[in-house]
């Protein structure tokens, strides 16, 4: 199993990166990918309102949970997805997720958020 301990988020020239805390590392990768998607929205779309966004994610479970606005199989994944959608709802943002293959060799050059 491949476990990502740190990640890179980027939108055009803006980038953000970070590492998971020891508490967060106890969660499965699908939860961490959903949380990363949510953190990416909070970072890069914090000033957006009344719009539609295409969010490219490199985890198919995260894509499914975002597009279906949650799920019933895993409560912890549904919970973080509900938080994501509530955040978007307050800003009248409609999010569509699509799968994007991860560029594994990409390294962050700076922290933007």
PDB file of N, CA and C in Angstrom:
ATOM      1  N   UNK A   1       0.841  -1.184   0.000  1.00  0.00           N
ATOM      2  CA  UNK A   1       0.000   0.000   0.000  1.00  0.00           C
ATOM      3  C   UNK A   1       0.883   1.242   0.000  1.00  0.00           C
ATOM      4  N   UNK A   2       0.552   2.186  -0.830  1.00  0.00           N
ATOM      5  CA  UNK A   2       1.302   3.436  -0.922  1.00  0.00           C
ATOM      6  C   UNK A   2       0.648   4.476  -0.015  1.00  0.00           C
ATOM      7  N   UNK A   3       1.378   5.001   0.924  1.00  0.00           N
ATOM      8  CA  UNK A   3       0.855   5.999   1.849  1.00  0.00           C
ATOM      9  C   UNK A   3       1.575   7.318   1.636  1.00  0.00           C
ATOM     10  N   UNK A   4       0.817   8.363   1.384  1.00  0.00           N
ATOM     11  CA  UNK A   4       1.382   9.689   1.179  1.00  0.00           C
ATOM     12  C   UNK A   4       1.429  10.400   2.527  1.00  0.00           C
ATOM     13  N   UNK A   5       2.619  10.796   2.948  1.00  0.00           N
ATOM     14  CA  UNK A   5       2.776  11.463   4.236  1.00  0.00           C
ATOM     15  C   UNK A   5       2.778  12.976   4.109  1.00  0.00           C
ATOM     16  N   UNK A   6       3.030  13.474   2.930  1.00  0.00           N
ATOM     17  CA  UNK A   6       3.026  14.913   2.694  1.00  0.00           C
ATOM     18  C   UNK A   6       2.439  15.135   1.313  1.00  0.00           C
ATOM     19  N   UNK A   7       1.943  16.323   1.064  1.00  0.00           N
ATOM     20  CA  UNK A   7       1.316  16.551  -0.222  1.00  0.00           C
ATOM     21  C   UNK A   7       1.604  17.915  -0.793  1.00  0.00           C
ATOM     22  N   UNK A   8       1.310  18.043  -2.066  1.00  0.00           N
ATOM     23  CA  UNK A   8       1.471  19.294  -2.788  1.00  0.00           C
ATOM     24  C   UNK A   8       0.133  19.631  -3.418  1.00  0.00           C
ATOM     25  N   UNK A   9      -0.329  20.833  -3.202  1.00  0.00           N
ATOM     26  CA  UNK A   9      -1.537  21.335  -3.855  1.00  0.00           C
ATOM     27  C   UNK A   9      -1.100  22.487  -4.740  1.00  0.00           C
ATOM     28  N   UNK A  10      -1.643  22.557  -5.940  1.00  0.00           N
ATOM     29  CA  UNK A  10      -1.256  23.670  -6.797  1.00  0.00           C
ATOM     30  C   UNK A  10      -2.416  24.108  -7.672  1.00  0.00           C
ATOM     31  N   UNK A  11      -2.479  25.408  -7.906  1.00  0.00           N
ATOM     32  CA  UNK A  11      -3.439  26.025  -8.809  1.00  0.00           C
ATOM     33  C   UNK A  11      -2.668  27.082  -9.575  1.00  0.00           C
ATOM     34  N   UNK A  12      -2.511  26.834 -10.872  1.00  0.00           N
ATOM     35  CA  UNK A  12      -1.693  27.691 -11.725  1.00  0.00           C
ATOM     36  C   UNK A  12      -0.322  27.877 -11.082  1.00  0.00           C
ATOM     37  N   UNK A  13       0.075  29.088 -10.747  1.00  0.00           N
ATOM     38  CA  UNK A  13       1.394  29.293 -10.155  1.00  0.00           C
ATOM     39  C   UNK A  13       1.392  29.201  -8.632  1.00  0.00           C
ATOM     40  N   UNK A  14       0.224  29.121  -8.023  1.00  0.00           N
ATOM     41  CA  UNK A  14       0.137  29.038  -6.567  1.00  0.00           C
ATOM     42  C   UNK A  14       0.323  27.602  -6.103  1.00  0.00           C
ATOM     43  N   UNK A  15       1.050  27.436  -5.003  1.00  0.00           N
ATOM     44  CA  UNK A  15       1.268  26.100  -4.448  1.00  0.00           C
ATOM     45  C   UNK A  15       1.175  26.152  -2.938  1.00  0.00           C
ATOM     46  N   UNK A  16       0.769  25.034  -2.375  1.00  0.00           N
ATOM     47  CA  UNK A  16       0.752  24.875  -0.925  1.00  0.00           C
ATOM     48  C   UNK A  16       1.177  23.439  -0.634  1.00  0.00           C
ATOM     49  N   UNK A  17       1.805  23.238   0.487  1.00  0.00           N
ATOM     50  CA  UNK A  17       2.216  21.883   0.850  1.00  0.00           C
ATOM     51  C   UNK A  17       2.124  21.718   2.357  1.00  0.00           C
ATOM     52  N   UNK A  18       2.169  20.482   2.791  1.00  0.00           N
ATOM     53  CA  UNK A  18       2.112  20.230   4.219  1.00  0.00           C
ATOM     54  C   UNK A  18       2.276  18.761   4.527  1.00  0.00           C
ATOM     55  N   UNK A  19       2.368  18.463   5.781  1.00  0.00           N
ATOM     56  CA  UNK A  19       2.488  17.084   6.246  1.00  0.00           C
ATOM     57  C   UNK A  19       1.339  16.784   7.196  1.00  0.00           C
ATOM     58  N   UNK A  20       0.978  15.521   7.289  1.00  0.00           N
ATOM     59  CA  UNK A  20      -0.083  15.107   8.195  1.00  0.00           C
ATOM     60  C   UNK A  20       0.473  14.992   9.607  1.00  0.00           C
ATOM     61  N   UNK A  21      -0.342  15.336  10.587  1.00  0.00           N
ATOM     62  CA  UNK A  21       0.040  15.177  11.989  1.00  0.00           C
ATOM     63  C   UNK A  21       0.034  13.696  12.342  1.00  0.00           C
ATOM     64  N   UNK A  22       0.610  13.355  13.469  1.00  0.00           N
ATOM     65  CA  UNK A  22       0.624  11.949  13.896  1.00  0.00           C
ATOM     66  C   UNK A  22      -0.800  11.429  14.120  1.00  0.00           C
ATOM     67  N   UNK A  23      -1.698  12.295  14.564  1.00  0.00           N
ATOM     68  CA  UNK A  23      -3.096  11.896  14.737  1.00  0.00           C
ATOM     69  C   UNK A  23      -3.743  11.630  13.385  1.00  0.00           C
ATOM     70  N   UNK A  24      -3.514  12.512  12.417  1.00  0.00           N
ATOM     71  CA  UNK A  24      -4.112  12.355  11.094  1.00  0.00           C
ATOM     72  C   UNK A  24      -3.589  11.115  10.379  1.00  0.00           C
ATOM     73  N   UNK A  25      -2.343  10.745  10.647  1.00  0.00           N
ATOM     74  CA  UNK A  25      -1.761   9.577   9.989  1.00  0.00           C
ATOM     75  C   UNK A  25      -2.442   8.273  10.368  1.00  0.00           C
ATOM     76  N   UNK A  26      -3.259   8.303  11.385  1.00  0.00           N
ATOM     77  CA  UNK A  26      -3.999   7.105  11.791  1.00  0.00           C
ATOM     78  C   UNK A  26      -5.178   6.821  10.856  1.00  0.00           C
ATOM     79  N   UNK A  27      -5.585   7.834  10.080  1.00  0.00           N
ATOM     80  CA  UNK A  27      -6.701   7.662   9.153  1.00  0.00           C
ATOM     81  C   UNK A  27      -6.226   6.985   7.876  1.00  0.00           C
ATOM     82  N   UNK A  28      -7.155   6.313   7.186  1.00  0.00           N
ATOM     83  CA  UNK A  28      -6.815   5.666   5.923  1.00  0.00           C
ATOM     84  C   UNK A  28      -6.591   6.709   4.836  1.00  0.00           C
ATOM     85  N   UNK A  29      -5.947   6.296   3.758  1.00  0.00           N
ATOM     86  CA  UNK A  29      -5.557   7.212   2.693  1.00  0.00           C
ATOM     87  C   UNK A  29      -6.757   7.914   2.053  1.00  0.00           C
ATOM     88  N   UNK A  30      -7.899   7.228   1.924  1.00  0.00           N
ATOM     89  CA  UNK A  30      -9.062   7.873   1.303  1.00  0.00           C
ATOM     90  C   UNK A  30      -9.539   9.072   2.119  1.00  0.00           C
ATOM     91  N   UNK A  31      -9.495   8.961   3.440  1.00  0.00           N
ATOM     92  CA  UNK A  31      -9.864  10.084   4.302  1.00  0.00           C
ATOM     93  C   UNK A  31      -8.871  11.239   4.117  1.00  0.00           C
ATOM     94  N   UNK A  32      -7.582  10.907   4.090  1.00  0.00           N
ATOM     95  CA  UNK A  32      -6.562  11.945   3.936  1.00  0.00           C
ATOM     96  C   UNK A  32      -6.687  12.643   2.587  1.00  0.00           C
ATOM     97  N   UNK A  33      -7.017  11.892   1.543  1.00  0.00           N
ATOM     98  CA  UNK A  33      -7.189  12.503   0.224  1.00  0.00           C
ATOM     99  C   UNK A  33      -8.411  13.431   0.196  1.00  0.00           C
ATOM    100  N   UNK A  34      -9.489  13.025   0.839  1.00  0.00           N
ATOM    101  CA  UNK A  34     -10.667  13.903   0.931  1.00  0.00           C
ATOM    102  C   UNK A  34     -10.353  15.153   1.737  1.00  0.00           C
ATOM    103  N   UNK A  35      -9.627  14.984   2.827  1.00  0.00           N
ATOM    104  CA  UNK A  35      -9.256  16.135   3.646  1.00  0.00           C
ATOM    105  C   UNK A  35      -8.343  17.067   2.850  1.00  0.00           C
ATOM    106  N   UNK A  36      -7.413  16.503   2.091  1.00  0.00           N
ATOM    107  CA  UNK A  36      -6.537  17.325   1.253  1.00  0.00           C
ATOM    108  C   UNK A  36      -7.336  18.098   0.203  1.00  0.00           C
ATOM    109  N   UNK A  37      -8.355  17.452  -0.361  1.00  0.00           N
ATOM    110  CA  UNK A  37      -9.221  18.130  -1.329  1.00  0.00           C
ATOM    111  C   UNK A  37      -9.949  19.302  -0.662  1.00  0.00           C
ATOM    112  N   UNK A  38     -10.436  19.072   0.553  1.00  0.00           N
ATOM    113  CA  UNK A  38     -11.127  20.117   1.303  1.00  0.00           C
ATOM    114  C   UNK A  38     -10.162  21.258   1.650  1.00  0.00           C
ATOM    115  N   UNK A  39      -8.975  20.919   2.126  1.00  0.00           N
ATOM    116  CA  UNK A  39      -7.979  21.944   2.457  1.00  0.00           C
ATOM    117  C   UNK A  39      -7.588  22.742   1.213  1.00  0.00           C
ATOM    118  N   UNK A  40      -7.519  22.063   0.077  1.00  0.00           N
ATOM    119  CA  UNK A  40      -7.226  22.762  -1.178  1.00  0.00           C
ATOM    120  C   UNK A  40      -8.291  23.773  -1.526  1.00  0.00           C
ATOM    121  N   UNK A  41      -9.554  23.398  -1.357  1.00  0.00           N
ATOM    122  CA  UNK A  41     -10.642  24.351  -1.597  1.00  0.00           C
ATOM    123  C   UNK A  41     -10.550  25.535  -0.642  1.00  0.00           C
ATOM    124  N   UNK A  42     -10.327  25.238   0.635  1.00  0.00           N
ATOM    125  CA  UNK A  42     -10.244  26.309   1.631  1.00  0.00           C
ATOM    126  C   UNK A  42      -9.081  27.257   1.331  1.00  0.00           C
ATOM    127  N   UNK A  43      -8.000  26.731   0.816  1.00  0.00           N
ATOM    128  CA  UNK A  43      -6.821  27.547   0.515  1.00  0.00           C
ATOM    129  C   UNK A  43      -7.011  28.373  -0.763  1.00  0.00           C
ATOM    130  N   UNK A  44      -7.366  27.699  -1.846  1.00  0.00           N
ATOM    131  CA  UNK A  44      -7.364  28.344  -3.153  1.00  0.00           C
ATOM    132  C   UNK A  44      -8.694  28.965  -3.559  1.00  0.00           C
ATOM    133  N   UNK A  45      -9.781  28.572  -2.913  1.00  0.00           N
ATOM    134  CA  UNK A  45     -11.096  29.120  -3.279  1.00  0.00           C
ATOM    135  C   UNK A  45     -11.709  29.936  -2.149  1.00  0.00           C
ATOM    136  N   UNK A  46     -10.892  30.347  -1.206  1.00  0.00           N
ATOM    137  CA  UNK A  46     -11.419  31.046  -0.028  1.00  0.00           C
ATOM    138  C   UNK A  46     -12.126  32.348  -0.375  1.00  0.00           C
ATOM    139  N   UNK A  47     -11.762  32.976  -1.477  1.00  0.00           N
ATOM    140  CA  UNK A  47     -12.388  34.240  -1.865  1.00  0.00           C
ATOM    141  C   UNK A  47     -13.434  34.076  -2.963  1.00  0.00           C
ATOM    142  N   UNK A  48     -13.725  32.833  -3.342  1.00  0.00           N
ATOM    143  CA  UNK A  48     -14.691  32.574  -4.409  1.00  0.00           C
ATOM    144  C   UNK A  48     -16.107  32.530  -3.844  1.00  0.00           C
ATOM    145  N   UNK A  49     -17.064  32.965  -4.656  1.00  0.00           N
ATOM    146  CA  UNK A  49     -18.484  32.868  -4.324  1.00  0.00           C
ATOM    147  C   UNK A  49     -19.272  32.764  -5.614  1.00  0.00           C
ATOM    148  N   UNK A  50     -20.452  32.133  -5.516  1.00  0.00           N
ATOM    149  CA  UNK A  50     -21.379  32.083  -6.641  1.00  0.00           C
ATOM    150  C   UNK A  50     -20.718  31.550  -7.918  1.00  0.00           C
ATOM    151  N   UNK A  51     -20.115  30.376  -7.824  1.00  0.00           N
ATOM    152  CA  UNK A  51     -19.407  29.842  -8.980  1.00  0.00           C
ATOM    153  C   UNK A  51     -19.428  28.317  -8.980  1.00  0.00           C
ATOM    154  N   UNK A  52     -18.944  27.768 -10.072  1.00  0.00           N
ATOM    155  CA  UNK A  52     -18.750  26.333 -10.211  1.00  0.00           C
ATOM    156  C   UNK A  52     -17.252  26.083 -10.343  1.00  0.00           C
ATOM    157  N   UNK A  53     -16.773  25.024  -9.679  1.00  0.00           N
ATOM    158  CA  UNK A  53     -15.346  24.708  -9.712  1.00  0.00           C
ATOM    159  C   UNK A  53     -15.133  23.267 -10.136  1.00  0.00           C
ATOM    160  N   UNK A  54     -14.116  23.032 -10.945  1.00  0.00           N
ATOM    161  CA  UNK A  54     -13.677  21.687 -11.260  1.00  0.00           C
ATOM    162  C   UNK A  54     -12.475  21.401 -10.369  1.00  0.00           C
ATOM    163  N   UNK A  55     -12.607  20.416  -9.509  1.00  0.00           N
ATOM    164  CA  UNK A  55     -11.552  20.057  -8.559  1.00  0.00           C
ATOM    165  C   UNK A  55     -10.932  18.748  -9.027  1.00  0.00           C
ATOM    166  N   UNK A  56      -9.689  18.792  -9.457  1.00  0.00           N
ATOM    167  CA  UNK A  56      -9.009  17.594  -9.932  1.00  0.00           C
ATOM    168  C   UNK A  56      -8.297  16.929  -8.760  1.00  0.00           C
ATOM    169  N   UNK A  57      -8.621  15.659  -8.541  1.00  0.00           N
ATOM    170  CA  UNK A  57      -8.150  14.909  -7.382  1.00  0.00           C
ATOM    171  C   UNK A  57      -7.525  13.608  -7.862  1.00  0.00           C
ATOM    172  N   UNK A  58      -6.471  13.154  -7.195  1.00  0.00           N
ATOM    173  CA  UNK A  58      -5.789  11.938  -7.631  1.00  0.00           C
ATOM    174  C   UNK A  58      -6.205  10.690  -6.852  1.00  0.00           C
ATOM    175  N   UNK A  59      -7.454  10.676  -6.365  1.00  0.00           N
ATOM    176  CA  UNK A  59      -7.980   9.537  -5.625  1.00  0.00           C
ATOM    177  C   UNK A  59      -9.425   9.317  -6.052  1.00  0.00           C
ATOM    178  N   UNK A  60      -9.708   8.142  -6.598  1.00  0.00           N
ATOM    179  CA  UNK A  60     -11.043   7.892  -7.149  1.00  0.00           C
ATOM    180  C   UNK A  60     -12.131   7.849  -6.076  1.00  0.00           C
ATOM    181  N   UNK A  61     -11.786   7.411  -4.866  1.00  0.00           N
ATOM    182  CA  UNK A  61     -12.783   7.420  -3.783  1.00  0.00           C
ATOM    183  C   UNK A  61     -13.157   8.849  -3.419  1.00  0.00           C
ATOM    184  N   UNK A  62     -12.174   9.726  -3.363  1.00  0.00           N
ATOM    185  CA  UNK A  62     -12.448  11.133  -3.067  1.00  0.00           C
ATOM    186  C   UNK A  62     -13.321  11.753  -4.156  1.00  0.00           C
ATOM    187  N   UNK A  63     -13.022  11.436  -5.404  1.00  0.00           N
ATOM    188  CA  UNK A  63     -13.837  11.944  -6.516  1.00  0.00           C
ATOM    189  C   UNK A  63     -15.286  11.497  -6.354  1.00  0.00           C
ATOM    190  N   UNK A  64     -15.490  10.215  -6.067  1.00  0.00           N
ATOM    191  CA  UNK A  64     -16.850   9.681  -5.923  1.00  0.00           C
ATOM    192  C   UNK A  64     -17.582  10.328  -4.755  1.00  0.00           C
ATOM    193  N   UNK A  65     -16.926  10.452  -3.610  1.00  0.00           N
ATOM    194  CA  UNK A  65     -17.594  11.036  -2.442  1.00  0.00           C
ATOM    195  C   UNK A  65     -17.934  12.508  -2.679  1.00  0.00           C
ATOM    196  N   UNK A  66     -17.057  13.252  -3.326  1.00  0.00           N
ATOM    197  CA  UNK A  66     -17.349  14.666  -3.599  1.00  0.00           C
ATOM    198  C   UNK A  66     -18.527  14.772  -4.574  1.00  0.00           C
ATOM    199  N   UNK A  67     -18.472  14.022  -5.673  1.00  0.00           N
ATOM    200  CA  UNK A  67     -19.522  14.135  -6.692  1.00  0.00           C
ATOM    201  C   UNK A  67     -20.880  13.633  -6.216  1.00  0.00           C
ATOM    202  N   UNK A  68     -20.878  12.660  -5.316  1.00  0.00           N
ATOM    203  CA  UNK A  68     -22.141  12.131  -4.788  1.00  0.00           C
ATOM    204  C   UNK A  68     -22.561  12.822  -3.494  1.00  0.00           C
ATOM    205  N   UNK A  69     -21.775  13.819  -3.091  1.00  0.00           N
ATOM    206  CA  UNK A  69     -22.044  14.578  -1.858  1.00  0.00           C
ATOM    207  C   UNK A  69     -22.070  13.670  -0.636  1.00  0.00           C
ATOM    208  N   UNK A  70     -21.184  12.699  -0.619  1.00  0.00           N
ATOM    209  CA  UNK A  70     -21.075  11.792   0.516  1.00  0.00           C
ATOM    210  C   UNK A  70     -21.392  10.377   0.123  1.00  0.00           C
ATOM    211  N   UNK A  71     -21.552   9.545   1.134  1.00  0.00           N
ATOM    212  CA  UNK A  71     -21.858   8.145   0.908  1.00  0.00           C
ATOM    213  C   UNK A  71     -22.292   7.500   2.215  1.00  0.00           C
ATOM    214  N   UNK A  72     -22.759   6.263   2.129  1.00  0.00           N
ATOM    215  CA  UNK A  72     -23.264   5.587   3.321  1.00  0.00           C
ATOM    216  C   UNK A  72     -22.333   4.488   3.825  1.00  0.00           C
ATOM    217  N   UNK A  73     -21.356   4.104   3.029  1.00  0.00           N
ATOM    218  CA  UNK A  73     -20.517   2.968   3.411  1.00  0.00           C
ATOM    219  C   UNK A  73     -19.525   3.303   4.527  1.00  0.00           C
ATOM    220  N   UNK A  74     -18.911   4.477   4.472  1.00  0.00           N
ATOM    221  CA  UNK A  74     -17.899   4.857   5.455  1.00  0.00           C
ATOM    222  C   UNK A  74     -18.271   6.193   6.092  1.00  0.00           C
ATOM    223  N   UNK A  75     -18.633   6.163   7.367  1.00  0.00           N
ATOM    224  CA  UNK A  75     -19.100   7.372   8.063  1.00  0.00           C
ATOM    225  C   UNK A  75     -18.044   8.467   8.100  1.00  0.00           C
ATOM    226  N   UNK A  76     -16.774   8.097   8.298  1.00  0.00           N
ATOM    227  CA  UNK A  76     -15.724   9.108   8.399  1.00  0.00           C
ATOM    228  C   UNK A  76     -15.508   9.816   7.057  1.00  0.00           C
ATOM    229  N   UNK A  77     -15.670   9.115   5.947  1.00  0.00           N
ATOM    230  CA  UNK A  77     -15.562   9.761   4.641  1.00  0.00           C
ATOM    231  C   UNK A  77     -16.773  10.653   4.381  1.00  0.00           C
ATOM    232  N   UNK A  78     -17.950  10.187   4.787  1.00  0.00           N
ATOM    233  CA  UNK A  78     -19.161  10.994   4.645  1.00  0.00           C
ATOM    234  C   UNK A  78     -19.051  12.278   5.471  1.00  0.00           C
ATOM    235  N   UNK A  79     -18.473  12.171   6.656  1.00  0.00           N
ATOM    236  CA  UNK A  79     -18.362  13.324   7.554  1.00  0.00           C
ATOM    237  C   UNK A  79     -17.498  14.435   6.950  1.00  0.00           C
ATOM    238  N   UNK A  80     -16.321  14.084   6.437  1.00  0.00           N
ATOM    239  CA  UNK A  80     -15.439  15.118   5.859  1.00  0.00           C
ATOM    240  C   UNK A  80     -16.039  15.663   4.568  1.00  0.00           C
ATOM    241  N   UNK A  81     -16.743  14.815   3.822  1.00  0.00           N
ATOM    242  CA  UNK A  81     -17.407  15.277   2.598  1.00  0.00           C
ATOM    243  C   UNK A  81     -18.525  16.250   2.935  1.00  0.00           C
ATOM    244  N   UNK A  82     -19.280  15.957   3.985  1.00  0.00           N
ATOM    245  CA  UNK A  82     -20.350  16.865   4.416  1.00  0.00           C
ATOM    246  C   UNK A  82     -19.762  18.215   4.821  1.00  0.00           C
ATOM    247  N   UNK A  83     -18.630  18.221   5.521  1.00  0.00           N
ATOM    248  CA  UNK A  83     -17.968  19.487   5.890  1.00  0.00           C
ATOM    249  C   UNK A  83     -17.571  20.265   4.642  1.00  0.00           C
ATOM    250  N   UNK A  84     -17.009  19.569   3.654  1.00  0.00           N
ATOM    251  CA  UNK A  84     -16.602  20.205   2.404  1.00  0.00           C
ATOM    252  C   UNK A  84     -17.799  20.873   1.736  1.00  0.00           C
ATOM    253  N   UNK A  85     -18.905  20.129   1.607  1.00  0.00           N
ATOM    254  CA  UNK A  85     -20.088  20.671   0.935  1.00  0.00           C
ATOM    255  C   UNK A  85     -20.751  21.793   1.731  1.00  0.00           C
ATOM    256  N   UNK A  86     -20.719  21.732   3.052  1.00  0.00           N
ATOM    257  CA  UNK A  86     -21.277  22.817   3.864  1.00  0.00           C
ATOM    258  C   UNK A  86     -20.460  24.088   3.683  1.00  0.00           C
ATOM    259  N   UNK A  87     -19.144  23.937   3.592  1.00  0.00           N
ATOM    260  CA  UNK A  87     -18.262  25.081   3.352  1.00  0.00           C
ATOM    261  C   UNK A  87     -18.596  25.702   1.997  1.00  0.00           C
ATOM    262  N   UNK A  88     -18.778  24.840   0.988  1.00  0.00           N
ATOM    263  CA  UNK A  88     -19.114  25.327  -0.354  1.00  0.00           C
ATOM    264  C   UNK A  88     -20.498  25.975  -0.386  1.00  0.00           C
ATOM    265  N   UNK A  89     -21.448  25.373   0.315  1.00  0.00           N
ATOM    266  CA  UNK A  89     -22.812  25.893   0.337  1.00  0.00           C
ATOM    267  C   UNK A  89     -22.861  27.320   0.885  1.00  0.00           C
ATOM    268  N   UNK A  90     -22.079  27.601   1.914  1.00  0.00           N
ATOM    269  CA  UNK A  90     -22.045  28.954   2.490  1.00  0.00           C
ATOM    270  C   UNK A  90     -21.578  29.992   1.477  1.00  0.00           C
ATOM    271  N   UNK A  91     -20.807  29.563   0.477  1.00  0.00           N
ATOM    272  CA  UNK A  91     -20.259  30.467  -0.532  1.00  0.00           C
ATOM    273  C   UNK A  91     -20.955  30.337  -1.886  1.00  0.00           C
ATOM    274  N   UNK A  92     -21.996  29.494  -1.923  1.00  0.00           N
ATOM    275  CA  UNK A  92     -22.703  29.211  -3.169  1.00  0.00           C
ATOM    276  C   UNK A  92     -21.726  28.722  -4.245  1.00  0.00           C
ATOM    277  N   UNK A  93     -20.891  27.762  -3.861  1.00  0.00           N
ATOM    278  CA  UNK A  93     -19.936  27.137  -4.777  1.00  0.00           C
ATOM    279  C   UNK A  93     -20.426  25.730  -5.082  1.00  0.00           C
ATOM    280  N   UNK A  94     -20.449  25.380  -6.362  1.00  0.00           N
ATOM    281  CA  UNK A  94     -20.804  24.037  -6.795  1.00  0.00           C
ATOM    282  C   UNK A  94     -19.525  23.369  -7.289  1.00  0.00           C
ATOM    283  N   UNK A  95     -19.154  22.261  -6.660  1.00  0.00           N
ATOM    284  CA  UNK A  95     -17.894  21.590  -6.973  1.00  0.00           C
ATOM    285  C   UNK A  95     -18.154  20.320  -7.770  1.00  0.00           C
ATOM    286  N   UNK A  96     -17.377  20.153  -8.813  1.00  0.00           N
ATOM    287  CA  UNK A  96     -17.332  18.915  -9.581  1.00  0.00           C
ATOM    288  C   UNK A  96     -15.926  18.356  -9.416  1.00  0.00           C
ATOM    289  N   UNK A  97     -15.806  17.095  -9.114  1.00  0.00           N
ATOM    290  CA  UNK A  97     -14.487  16.477  -8.974  1.00  0.00           C
ATOM    291  C   UNK A  97     -14.224  15.566 -10.167  1.00  0.00           C
ATOM    292  N   UNK A  98     -12.976  15.572 -10.613  1.00  0.00           N
ATOM    293  CA  UNK A  98     -12.565  14.642 -11.665  1.00  0.00           C
ATOM    294  C   UNK A  98     -11.218  14.040 -11.265  1.00  0.00           C
ATOM    295  N   UNK A  99     -10.971  12.844 -11.777  1.00  0.00           N
ATOM    296  CA  UNK A  99      -9.727  12.153 -11.453  1.00  0.00           C
ATOM    297  C   UNK A  99      -8.588  12.707 -12.291  1.00  0.00           C
ATOM    298  N   UNK A 100      -7.467  12.957 -11.653  1.00  0.00           N
ATOM    299  CA  UNK A 100      -6.265  13.405 -12.336  1.00  0.00           C
ATOM    300  C   UNK A 100      -5.100  12.579 -11.809  1.00  0.00           C
ATOM    301  N   UNK A 101      -4.383  11.961 -12.703  1.00  0.00           N
ATOM    302  CA  UNK A 101      -3.220  11.163 -12.316  1.00  0.00           C
ATOM    303  C   UNK A 101      -2.209  12.045 -11.586  1.00  0.00           C
ATOM    304  N   UNK A 102      -1.614  11.499 -10.522  1.00  0.00           N
ATOM    305  CA  UNK A 102      -0.663  12.224  -9.690  1.00  0.00           C
ATOM    306  C   UNK A 102       0.705  12.268 -10.345  1.00  0.00           C
ATOM    307  N   UNK A 103       1.322  13.445 -10.353  1.00  0.00           N
ATOM    308  CA  UNK A 103       2.705  13.595 -10.808  1.00  0.00           C
ATOM    309  C   UNK A 103       3.602  13.359  -9.606  1.00  0.00           C
ATOM    310  N   UNK A 104       4.108  12.155  -9.454  1.00  0.00           N
ATOM    311  CA  UNK A 104       4.815  11.747  -8.248  1.00  0.00           C
ATOM    312  C   UNK A 104       6.126  12.502  -8.010  1.00  0.00           C
ATOM    313  N   UNK A 105       6.752  13.000  -9.058  1.00  0.00           N
ATOM    314  CA  UNK A 105       8.049  13.661  -8.900  1.00  0.00           C
ATOM    315  C   UNK A 105       7.934  15.149  -8.632  1.00  0.00           C
ATOM    316  N   UNK A 106       6.725  15.666  -8.560  1.00  0.00           N
ATOM    317  CA  UNK A 106       6.524  17.092  -8.336  1.00  0.00           C
ATOM    318  C   UNK A 106       6.883  17.468  -6.904  1.00  0.00           C
ATOM    319  N   UNK A 107       7.632  18.512  -6.723  1.00  0.00           N
ATOM    320  CA  UNK A 107       8.043  18.997  -5.410  1.00  0.00           C
ATOM    321  C   UNK A 107       7.572  20.435  -5.229  1.00  0.00           C
ATOM    322  N   UNK A 108       7.153  20.798  -4.041  1.00  0.00           N
ATOM    323  CA  UNK A 108       6.702  22.177  -3.825  1.00  0.00           C
ATOM    324  C   UNK A 108       7.877  23.147  -3.848  1.00  0.00           C
ATOM    325  N   UNK A 109       7.645  24.324  -4.436  1.00  0.00           N
ATOM    326  CA  UNK A 109       8.694  25.332  -4.448  1.00  0.00           C
ATOM    327  C   UNK A 109       8.470  26.388  -3.375  1.00  0.00           C
ATOM    328  N   UNK A 110       7.214  26.572  -2.956  1.00  0.00           N
ATOM    329  CA  UNK A 110       6.941  27.555  -1.913  1.00  0.00           C
ATOM    330  C   UNK A 110       5.568  27.284  -1.318  1.00  0.00           C
ATOM    331  N   UNK A 111       5.317  27.867  -0.166  1.00  0.00           N
ATOM    332  CA  UNK A 111       4.016  27.755   0.481  1.00  0.00           C
ATOM    333  C   UNK A 111       3.252  29.036   0.211  1.00  0.00           C
ATOM    334  N   UNK A 112       2.071  28.908  -0.393  1.00  0.00           N
ATOM    335  CA  UNK A 112       1.296  30.080  -0.798  1.00  0.00           C
ATOM    336  C   UNK A 112       0.152  30.399   0.127  1.00  0.00           C
ATOM    337  N   UNK A 113      -0.245  29.478   0.975  1.00  0.00           N
ATOM    338  CA  UNK A 113      -1.404  29.734   1.825  1.00  0.00           C
ATOM    339  C   UNK A 113      -1.039  29.635   3.283  1.00  0.00           C
TER     340      UNK A 113
END
